[in-house]
Amino acid sequence: MNYRAIKIVLSIFYLSIITNLYAQTTYKVTYYIAEIKLQGSIDNLDEKGKHFTEQVIDYSKDVNYILIANQDASYFESEDILRKENNSPLEDILLRMAKRFTSFNKNVYANHKEDSIVFVRNLVNQDFTVKRDYFNFNWILKEETKKILGFDAIKAEGNYFDLIINKKLKVEAWFIPSIPLQSGPDVFMGLPGLIAEVNLNGAVVKIKDIVSEQGLVIKLPNITKPLTQKEYESLIENLTKKIKDYADN
């Protein structure tokens, strides 16, 4: 981290300590899908493909995610969307497709005192609960800053290995030092401030709203029989092999 970035972080952070009592505050943060990143041009699709893709992009605007967080813990999940009674099966498919661009887990609980997370991942229509340490994103703070919802935000860049696609991916994040929470959307955390935006492989997810409320409760996950990270890796490996064998036959 360079001197200018350190100075920005420290100045905003210490100012927040003086002027605000954040330590015992619990926040409700709403995120939305700001941009869908298609792999290839929509112009290469036929008319039906174009129309379907445009519908998915349109439905992505209705997908919100909720993070309840304080300095000790956080819980992240997709917000239930209010649906009309006459919604069709196609609309359900469109919403599920829109969520796939973020590749987020079903929900994520983080214990910041232990630097551990518990997440639920749906694979082949079955939920699997995994408990592991924080992901190491090797965050590097940059000099770039911008305003997000009126807050000063700082850019950070990192990387991580995605087991599902078996590939190392880059991630760009913008965090708010004046809200000293190490939380963010899904498993993206570990910066000296709330992550307000993440630029992912398939989508850009941004903060829409943030409020502090009394009585906010951080959900505790059901971790009766969670998989370890190694067990989860073995599960992914076995599922991938089965899919490959099925495709070959």
C-alpha atoms as a PDB file:
ATOM      1  CA  MET A   1       0.000   0.000   0.000  1.00  0.00           C
ATOM      2  CA  ASN A   2       1.465   3.404  -0.924  1.00  0.00           C
ATOM      3  CA  TYR A   3       1.743   6.397   1.414  1.00  0.00           C
ATOM      4  CA  ARG A   4      -1.137   8.344  -0.119  1.00  0.00           C
ATOM      5  CA  ALA A   5      -3.540   5.414   0.213  1.00  0.00           C
ATOM      6  CA  ILE A   6      -2.457   4.857   3.838  1.00  0.00           C
ATOM      7  CA  LYS A   7      -2.989   8.541   4.591  1.00  0.00           C
ATOM      8  CA  ILE A   8      -6.476   8.487   3.077  1.00  0.00           C
ATOM      9  CA  VAL A   9      -7.491   5.385   5.027  1.00  0.00           C
ATOM     10  CA  LEU A  10      -6.131   6.620   8.352  1.00  0.00           C
ATOM     11  CA  SER A  11      -7.506  10.147   8.084  1.00  0.00           C
ATOM     12  CA  ILE A  12     -11.027   9.011   7.213  1.00  0.00           C
ATOM     13  CA  PHE A  13     -10.926   6.167   9.738  1.00  0.00           C
ATOM     14  CA  TYR A  14      -9.847   8.307  12.691  1.00  0.00           C
ATOM     15  CA  LEU A  15     -12.314  11.023  11.749  1.00  0.00           C
ATOM     16  CA  SER A  16     -15.082   8.442  11.878  1.00  0.00           C
ATOM     17  CA  ILE A  17     -14.006   7.337  15.357  1.00  0.00           C
ATOM     18  CA  ILE A  18     -14.201  10.888  16.635  1.00  0.00           C
ATOM     19  CA  THR A  19     -17.515  11.858  15.060  1.00  0.00           C
ATOM     20  CA  ASN A  20     -19.444   8.577  15.076  1.00  0.00           C
ATOM     21  CA  LEU A  21     -20.064   5.681  17.432  1.00  0.00           C
ATOM     22  CA  TYR A  22     -19.765   2.874  14.940  1.00  0.00           C
ATOM     23  CA  ALA A  23     -18.343   0.230  17.210  1.00  0.00           C
ATOM     24  CA  GLN A  24     -21.669  -1.054  18.547  1.00  0.00           C
ATOM     25  CA  THR A  25     -23.712  -0.233  15.456  1.00  0.00           C
ATOM     26  CA  THR A  26     -25.380  -2.898  13.331  1.00  0.00           C
ATOM     27  CA  TYR A  27     -26.114  -2.032   9.709  1.00  0.00           C
ATOM     28  CA  LYS A  28     -28.531  -3.243   7.089  1.00  0.00           C
ATOM     29  CA  VAL A  29     -26.900  -2.901   3.677  1.00  0.00           C
ATOM     30  CA  THR A  30     -28.785  -3.431   0.424  1.00  0.00           C
ATOM     31  CA  TYR A  31     -26.861  -4.335  -2.732  1.00  0.00           C
ATOM     32  CA  TYR A  32     -28.108  -4.592  -6.306  1.00  0.00           C
ATOM     33  CA  ILE A  33     -26.807  -5.877  -9.631  1.00  0.00           C
ATOM     34  CA  ALA A  34     -25.667  -2.712 -11.393  1.00  0.00           C
ATOM     35  CA  GLU A  35     -24.326  -4.408 -14.506  1.00  0.00           C
ATOM     36  CA  ILE A  36     -24.453  -7.813 -16.176  1.00  0.00           C
ATOM     37  CA  LYS A  37     -21.213  -8.736 -17.968  1.00  0.00           C
ATOM     38  CA  LEU A  38     -21.941 -11.017 -20.897  1.00  0.00           C
ATOM     39  CA  GLN A  39     -19.274 -13.394 -22.175  1.00  0.00           C
ATOM     40  CA  GLY A  40     -19.442 -12.466 -25.849  1.00  0.00           C
ATOM     41  CA  SER A  41     -21.635 -10.152 -27.884  1.00  0.00           C
ATOM     42  CA  ILE A  42     -25.415 -10.352 -27.746  1.00  0.00           C
ATOM     43  CA  ASP A  43     -25.390  -9.602 -31.481  1.00  0.00           C
ATOM     44  CA  ASN A  44     -24.019 -13.092 -32.131  1.00  0.00           C
ATOM     45  CA  LEU A  45     -27.244 -14.650 -30.829  1.00  0.00           C
ATOM     46  CA  ASP A  46     -30.374 -15.395 -32.814  1.00  0.00           C
ATOM     47  CA  GLU A  47     -33.518 -13.344 -32.166  1.00  0.00           C
ATOM     48  CA  LYS A  48     -34.836 -15.718 -29.498  1.00  0.00           C
ATOM     49  CA  GLY A  49     -31.470 -15.732 -27.750  1.00  0.00           C
ATOM     50  CA  LYS A  50     -31.256 -11.942 -27.851  1.00  0.00           C
ATOM     51  CA  HIS A  51     -34.756 -11.559 -26.465  1.00  0.00           C
ATOM     52  CA  PHE A  52     -34.125 -14.027 -23.639  1.00  0.00           C
ATOM     53  CA  THR A  53     -30.811 -12.377 -22.728  1.00  0.00           C
ATOM     54  CA  GLU A  54     -32.426  -8.938 -22.710  1.00  0.00           C
ATOM     55  CA  GLN A  55     -35.128 -10.283 -20.395  1.00  0.00           C
ATOM     56  CA  VAL A  56     -32.485 -11.685 -18.016  1.00  0.00           C
ATOM     57  CA  ILE A  57     -30.683  -8.337 -17.950  1.00  0.00           C
ATOM     58  CA  ASP A  58     -33.970  -6.561 -17.263  1.00  0.00           C
ATOM     59  CA  TYR A  59     -34.890  -8.946 -14.442  1.00  0.00           C
ATOM     60  CA  SER A  60     -31.454  -8.519 -12.861  1.00  0.00           C
ATOM     61  CA  LYS A  61     -32.536  -4.990 -11.889  1.00  0.00           C
ATOM     62  CA  ASP A  62     -34.997  -6.532  -9.409  1.00  0.00           C
ATOM     63  CA  VAL A  63     -32.401  -8.694  -7.659  1.00  0.00           C
ATOM     64  CA  ASN A  64     -31.332  -7.310  -4.292  1.00  0.00           C
ATOM     65  CA  TYR A  65     -29.003  -8.746  -1.661  1.00  0.00           C
ATOM     66  CA  ILE A  66     -29.091  -7.935   2.049  1.00  0.00           C
ATOM     67  CA  LEU A  67     -26.115  -7.765   4.414  1.00  0.00           C
ATOM     68  CA  ILE A  68     -26.667  -7.410   8.161  1.00  0.00           C
ATOM     69  CA  ALA A  69     -23.318  -6.590   9.749  1.00  0.00           C
ATOM     70  CA  ASN A  70     -21.447  -5.197  12.717  1.00  0.00           C
ATOM     71  CA  GLN A  71     -17.825  -5.436  13.808  1.00  0.00           C
ATOM     72  CA  ASP A  72     -18.279  -8.912  15.271  1.00  0.00           C
ATOM     73  CA  ALA A  73     -20.267 -10.757  12.604  1.00  0.00           C
ATOM     74  CA  SER A  74     -22.321 -10.498   9.417  1.00  0.00           C
ATOM     75  CA  TYR A  75     -24.968 -12.381   7.447  1.00  0.00           C
ATOM     76  CA  PHE A  76     -25.534 -12.067   3.688  1.00  0.00           C
ATOM     77  CA  GLU A  77     -28.331 -13.466   1.524  1.00  0.00           C
ATOM     78  CA  SER A  78     -30.560 -12.697  -1.437  1.00  0.00           C
ATOM     79  CA  GLU A  79     -33.611 -10.613  -0.634  1.00  0.00           C
ATOM     80  CA  ASP A  80     -36.954 -12.313  -1.237  1.00  0.00           C
ATOM     81  CA  ILE A  81     -38.553 -10.603  -4.200  1.00  0.00           C
ATOM     82  CA  LEU A  82     -42.199  -9.682  -3.926  1.00  0.00           C
ATOM     83  CA  ARG A  83     -43.914 -11.592  -6.695  1.00  0.00           C
ATOM     84  CA  LYS A  84     -47.240 -11.217  -8.420  1.00  0.00           C
ATOM     85  CA  GLU A  85     -49.609 -14.160  -8.278  1.00  0.00           C
ATOM     86  CA  ASN A  86     -49.659 -14.452 -12.051  1.00  0.00           C
ATOM     87  CA  ASN A  87     -45.886 -14.683 -12.476  1.00  0.00           C
ATOM     88  CA  SER A  88     -45.009 -17.390 -14.969  1.00  0.00           C
ATOM     89  CA  PRO A  89     -42.441 -20.204 -14.694  1.00  0.00           C
ATOM     90  CA  LEU A  90     -40.429 -18.289 -17.309  1.00  0.00           C
ATOM     91  CA  GLU A  91     -40.122 -15.334 -14.943  1.00  0.00           C
ATOM     92  CA  ASP A  92     -38.796 -17.642 -12.227  1.00  0.00           C
ATOM     93  CA  ILE A  93     -36.194 -18.921 -14.689  1.00  0.00           C
ATOM     94  CA  LEU A  94     -35.206 -15.368 -15.637  1.00  0.00           C
ATOM     95  CA  LEU A  95     -34.632 -14.427 -12.007  1.00  0.00           C
ATOM     96  CA  ARG A  96     -32.533 -17.533 -11.362  1.00  0.00           C
ATOM     97  CA  MET A  97     -30.481 -16.819 -14.474  1.00  0.00           C
ATOM     98  CA  ALA A  98     -29.926 -13.219 -13.382  1.00  0.00           C
ATOM     99  CA  LYS A  99     -28.557 -14.397 -10.026  1.00  0.00           C
ATOM    100  CA  ARG A 100     -26.110 -16.756 -11.732  1.00  0.00           C
ATOM    101  CA  PHE A 101     -24.102 -13.830 -13.081  1.00  0.00           C
ATOM    102  CA  THR A 102     -22.981 -12.915  -9.559  1.00  0.00           C
ATOM    103  CA  SER A 103     -22.228 -16.561  -8.677  1.00  0.00           C
ATOM    104  CA  PHE A 104     -22.990 -15.724  -5.040  1.00  0.00           C
ATOM    105  CA  ASN A 105     -23.635 -18.375  -2.430  1.00  0.00           C
ATOM    106  CA  LYS A 106     -27.145 -18.920  -1.083  1.00  0.00           C
ATOM    107  CA  ASN A 107     -26.104 -17.243   2.164  1.00  0.00           C
ATOM    108  CA  VAL A 108     -22.895 -16.403   4.008  1.00  0.00           C
ATOM    109  CA  TYR A 109     -22.288 -15.984   7.740  1.00  0.00           C
ATOM    110  CA  ALA A 110     -18.993 -14.453   8.883  1.00  0.00           C
ATOM    111  CA  ASN A 111     -17.534 -14.522  12.391  1.00  0.00           C
ATOM    112  CA  HIS A 112     -15.058 -11.645  12.367  1.00  0.00           C
ATOM    113  CA  LYS A 113     -13.655 -12.551  15.779  1.00  0.00           C
ATOM    114  CA  GLU A 114     -12.565 -15.957  14.479  1.00  0.00           C
ATOM    115  CA  ASP A 115     -11.900 -14.921  10.847  1.00  0.00           C
ATOM    116  CA  SER A 116     -14.182 -17.739   9.718  1.00  0.00           C
ATOM    117  CA  ILE A 117     -17.179 -18.052   7.422  1.00  0.00           C
ATOM    118  CA  VAL A 118     -20.036 -20.491   6.922  1.00  0.00           C
ATOM    119  CA  PHE A 119     -21.683 -20.497   3.511  1.00  0.00           C
ATOM    120  CA  VAL A 120     -24.412 -22.495   1.797  1.00  0.00           C
ATOM    121  CA  ARG A 121     -23.855 -23.450  -1.830  1.00  0.00           C
ATOM    122  CA  ASN A 122     -26.496 -25.027  -4.036  1.00  0.00           C
ATOM    123  CA  LEU A 123     -25.034 -27.657  -6.345  1.00  0.00           C
ATOM    124  CA  VAL A 124     -27.103 -29.989  -8.527  1.00  0.00           C
ATOM    125  CA  ASN A 125     -30.247 -28.846  -6.687  1.00  0.00           C
ATOM    126  CA  GLN A 126     -28.837 -29.685  -3.270  1.00  0.00           C
ATOM    127  CA  ASP A 127     -27.627 -27.316  -0.540  1.00  0.00           C
ATOM    128  CA  PHE A 128     -24.194 -27.910   0.971  1.00  0.00           C
ATOM    129  CA  THR A 129     -22.980 -26.065   4.086  1.00  0.00           C
ATOM    130  CA  VAL A 130     -19.260 -25.302   4.300  1.00  0.00           C
ATOM    131  CA  LYS A 131     -17.250 -23.869   7.193  1.00  0.00           C
ATOM    132  CA  ARG A 132     -13.801 -22.452   6.496  1.00  0.00           C
ATOM    133  CA  ASP A 133     -11.407 -19.576   7.150  1.00  0.00           C
ATOM    134  CA  TYR A 134     -11.724 -16.270   5.323  1.00  0.00           C
ATOM    135  CA  PHE A 135     -10.827 -16.274   1.658  1.00  0.00           C
ATOM    136  CA  ASN A 136      -7.447 -14.633   1.073  1.00  0.00           C
ATOM    137  CA  PHE A 137      -7.951 -12.042  -1.656  1.00  0.00           C
ATOM    138  CA  ASN A 138      -4.438 -10.561  -1.368  1.00  0.00           C
ATOM    139  CA  TRP A 139      -5.997  -7.102  -1.386  1.00  0.00           C
ATOM    140  CA  ILE A 140      -3.905  -4.235  -2.739  1.00  0.00           C
ATOM    141  CA  LEU A 141      -5.142  -0.711  -1.985  1.00  0.00           C
ATOM    142  CA  LYS A 142      -4.984   1.762  -4.854  1.00  0.00           C
ATOM    143  CA  GLU A 143      -4.873   5.565  -4.974  1.00  0.00           C
ATOM    144  CA  GLU A 144      -8.204   5.923  -6.781  1.00  0.00           C
ATOM    145  CA  THR A 145     -11.167   7.270  -4.805  1.00  0.00           C
ATOM    146  CA  LYS A 146     -14.786   8.116  -5.592  1.00  0.00           C
ATOM    147  CA  LYS A 147     -18.057   8.951  -3.891  1.00  0.00           C
ATOM    148  CA  ILE A 148     -20.571   6.173  -3.227  1.00  0.00           C
ATOM    149  CA  LEU A 149     -23.848   7.239  -1.621  1.00  0.00           C
ATOM    150  CA  GLY A 150     -22.038  10.347  -0.418  1.00  0.00           C
ATOM    151  CA  PHE A 151     -19.251   8.361   1.278  1.00  0.00           C
ATOM    152  CA  ASP A 152     -15.580   8.487   0.295  1.00  0.00           C
ATOM    153  CA  ALA A 153     -14.643   5.099  -1.156  1.00  0.00           C
ATOM    154  CA  ILE A 154     -11.210   3.685  -1.972  1.00  0.00           C
ATOM    155  CA  LYS A 155     -10.397   1.179  -4.682  1.00  0.00           C
ATOM    156  CA  ALA A 156      -8.787  -2.189  -3.929  1.00  0.00           C
ATOM    157  CA  GLU A 157      -7.781  -5.029  -6.206  1.00  0.00           C
ATOM    158  CA  GLY A 158      -7.475  -8.699  -5.350  1.00  0.00           C
ATOM    159  CA  ASN A 159      -7.739 -12.233  -6.671  1.00  0.00           C
ATOM    160  CA  TYR A 160      -9.135 -15.590  -5.634  1.00  0.00           C
ATOM    161  CA  PHE A 161      -9.545 -19.129  -6.923  1.00  0.00           C
ATOM    162  CA  ASP A 162     -13.055 -20.147  -7.990  1.00  0.00           C
ATOM    163  CA  LEU A 163     -13.493 -23.879  -7.410  1.00  0.00           C
ATOM    164  CA  ILE A 164     -16.660 -24.109  -9.487  1.00  0.00           C
ATOM    165  CA  ILE A 165     -15.004 -22.990 -12.716  1.00  0.00           C
ATOM    166  CA  ASN A 166     -11.509 -24.110 -11.625  1.00  0.00           C
ATOM    167  CA  LYS A 167      -9.968 -20.746 -12.396  1.00  0.00           C
ATOM    168  CA  LYS A 168      -8.158 -17.874 -10.682  1.00  0.00           C
ATOM    169  CA  LEU A 169     -10.177 -14.666 -10.963  1.00  0.00           C
ATOM    170  CA  LYS A 170      -9.479 -10.996 -10.370  1.00  0.00           C
ATOM    171  CA  VAL A 171     -11.813  -8.814  -8.314  1.00  0.00           C
ATOM    172  CA  GLU A 172     -12.044  -5.048  -7.971  1.00  0.00           C
ATOM    173  CA  ALA A 173     -13.659  -3.625  -4.839  1.00  0.00           C
ATOM    174  CA  TRP A 174     -14.519  -0.188  -3.494  1.00  0.00           C
ATOM    175  CA  PHE A 175     -14.692   0.144   0.297  1.00  0.00           C
ATOM    176  CA  ILE A 176     -15.759   2.881   2.720  1.00  0.00           C
ATOM    177  CA  PRO A 177     -13.168   3.453   5.492  1.00  0.00           C
ATOM    178  CA  SER A 178     -15.542   5.663   7.494  1.00  0.00           C
ATOM    179  CA  ILE A 179     -17.714   2.585   8.092  1.00  0.00           C
ATOM    180  CA  PRO A 180     -15.100   0.349   9.760  1.00  0.00           C
ATOM    181  CA  LEU A 181     -16.666  -3.025   9.019  1.00  0.00           C
ATOM    182  CA  GLN A 182     -14.666  -5.725   7.274  1.00  0.00           C
ATOM    183  CA  SER A 183     -17.816  -7.108   5.642  1.00  0.00           C
ATOM    184  CA  GLY A 184     -19.065  -7.054   2.076  1.00  0.00           C
ATOM    185  CA  PRO A 185     -21.268  -8.944  -0.374  1.00  0.00           C
ATOM    186  CA  ASP A 186     -20.991 -12.740  -0.304  1.00  0.00           C
ATOM    187  CA  VAL A 187     -17.477 -13.882   0.702  1.00  0.00           C
ATOM    188  CA  PHE A 188     -15.822 -10.606  -0.291  1.00  0.00           C
ATOM    189  CA  MET A 189     -14.493  -9.055   2.909  1.00  0.00           C
ATOM    190  CA  GLY A 190     -11.301  -8.301   4.788  1.00  0.00           C
ATOM    191  CA  LEU A 191     -10.782  -4.647   3.824  1.00  0.00           C
ATOM    192  CA  PRO A 192     -10.532  -1.782   6.379  1.00  0.00           C
ATOM    193  CA  GLY A 193     -14.078  -0.630   5.676  1.00  0.00           C
ATOM    194  CA  LEU A 194     -17.423  -1.808   4.336  1.00  0.00           C
ATOM    195  CA  ILE A 195     -17.207  -3.027   0.731  1.00  0.00           C
ATOM    196  CA  ALA A 196     -19.691  -0.931  -1.247  1.00  0.00           C
ATOM    197  CA  GLU A 197     -19.009  -2.277  -4.731  1.00  0.00           C
ATOM    198  CA  VAL A 198     -17.467  -5.364  -6.314  1.00  0.00           C
ATOM    199  CA  ASN A 199     -16.568  -5.770  -9.965  1.00  0.00           C
ATOM    200  CA  LEU A 200     -16.758  -9.501 -10.630  1.00  0.00           C
ATOM    201  CA  ASN A 201     -16.249 -11.781 -13.596  1.00  0.00           C
ATOM    202  CA  GLY A 202     -19.963 -11.805 -14.453  1.00  0.00           C
ATOM    203  CA  ALA A 203     -21.461  -8.723 -12.837  1.00  0.00           C
ATOM    204  CA  VAL A 204     -20.935  -5.464 -10.991  1.00  0.00           C
ATOM    205  CA  VAL A 205     -22.698  -5.388  -7.615  1.00  0.00           C
ATOM    206  CA  LYS A 206     -23.158  -2.058  -5.836  1.00  0.00           C
ATOM    207  CA  ILE A 207     -24.585  -0.756  -2.610  1.00  0.00           C
ATOM    208  CA  LYS A 208     -28.084   0.703  -2.958  1.00  0.00           C
ATOM    209  CA  ASP A 209     -28.843   1.684   0.618  1.00  0.00           C
ATOM    210  CA  ILE A 210     -27.363   1.514   4.099  1.00  0.00           C
ATOM    211  CA  VAL A 211     -29.136   2.113   7.391  1.00  0.00           C
ATOM    212  CA  SER A 212     -28.330   1.536  11.048  1.00  0.00           C
ATOM    213  CA  GLU A 213     -31.224   0.177  13.055  1.00  0.00           C
ATOM    214  CA  GLN A 214     -31.841  -0.899  16.604  1.00  0.00           C
ATOM    215  CA  GLY A 215     -32.837  -4.509  17.031  1.00  0.00           C
ATOM    216  CA  LEU A 216     -31.223  -5.832  13.867  1.00  0.00           C
ATOM    217  CA  VAL A 217     -30.414  -9.503  14.360  1.00  0.00           C
ATOM    218  CA  ILE A 218     -27.575 -11.309  12.610  1.00  0.00           C
ATOM    219  CA  LYS A 219     -28.755 -14.806  11.723  1.00  0.00           C
ATOM    220  CA  LEU A 220     -26.758 -17.760  12.955  1.00  0.00           C
ATOM    221  CA  PRO A 221     -26.258 -20.568  10.432  1.00  0.00           C
ATOM    222  CA  ASN A 222     -27.224 -24.179  10.956  1.00  0.00           C
ATOM    223  CA  ILE A 223     -23.815 -25.825  11.208  1.00  0.00           C
ATOM    224  CA  THR A 224     -24.722 -29.231  12.607  1.00  0.00           C
ATOM    225  CA  LYS A 225     -22.694 -31.100   9.986  1.00  0.00           C
ATOM    226  CA  PRO A 226     -20.780 -28.615   7.826  1.00  0.00           C
ATOM    227  CA  LEU A 227     -18.244 -29.678   5.248  1.00  0.00           C
ATOM    228  CA  THR A 228     -14.651 -28.630   5.730  1.00  0.00           C
ATOM    229  CA  GLN A 229     -12.916 -26.806   2.912  1.00  0.00           C
ATOM    230  CA  LYS A 230     -11.081 -29.996   1.923  1.00  0.00           C
ATOM    231  CA  GLU A 231     -14.327 -31.978   1.884  1.00  0.00           C
ATOM    232  CA  TYR A 232     -15.924 -29.263  -0.246  1.00  0.00           C
ATOM    233  CA  GLU A 233     -13.022 -29.374  -2.696  1.00  0.00           C
ATOM    234  CA  SER A 234     -13.395 -33.162  -2.962  1.00  0.00           C
ATOM    235  CA  LEU A 235     -17.123 -32.758  -3.543  1.00  0.00           C
ATOM    236  CA  ILE A 236     -16.540 -30.299  -6.398  1.00  0.00           C
ATOM    237  CA  GLU A 237     -13.920 -32.598  -7.906  1.00  0.00           C
ATOM    238  CA  ASN A 238     -16.245 -35.616  -7.805  1.00  0.00           C
ATOM    239  CA  LEU A 239     -19.206 -33.695  -9.238  1.00  0.00           C
ATOM    240  CA  THR A 240     -17.048 -32.302 -12.034  1.00  0.00           C
ATOM    241  CA  LYS A 241     -15.821 -35.803 -12.883  1.00  0.00           C
ATOM    242  CA  LYS A 242     -19.381 -37.183 -12.978  1.00  0.00           C
ATOM    243  CA  ILE A 243     -20.531 -34.376 -15.266  1.00  0.00           C
ATOM    244  CA  LYS A 244     -17.556 -34.938 -17.573  1.00  0.00           C
ATOM    245  CA  ASP A 245     -18.135 -38.704 -17.662  1.00  0.00           C
ATOM    246  CA  TYR A 246     -21.819 -38.139 -18.429  1.00  0.00           C
ATOM    247  CA  ALA A 247     -20.963 -35.728 -21.252  1.00  0.00           C
ATOM    248  CA  ASP A 248     -18.448 -38.172 -22.734  1.00  0.00           C
ATOM    249  CA  ASN A 249     -21.037 -40.979 -22.763  1.00  0.00           C
END
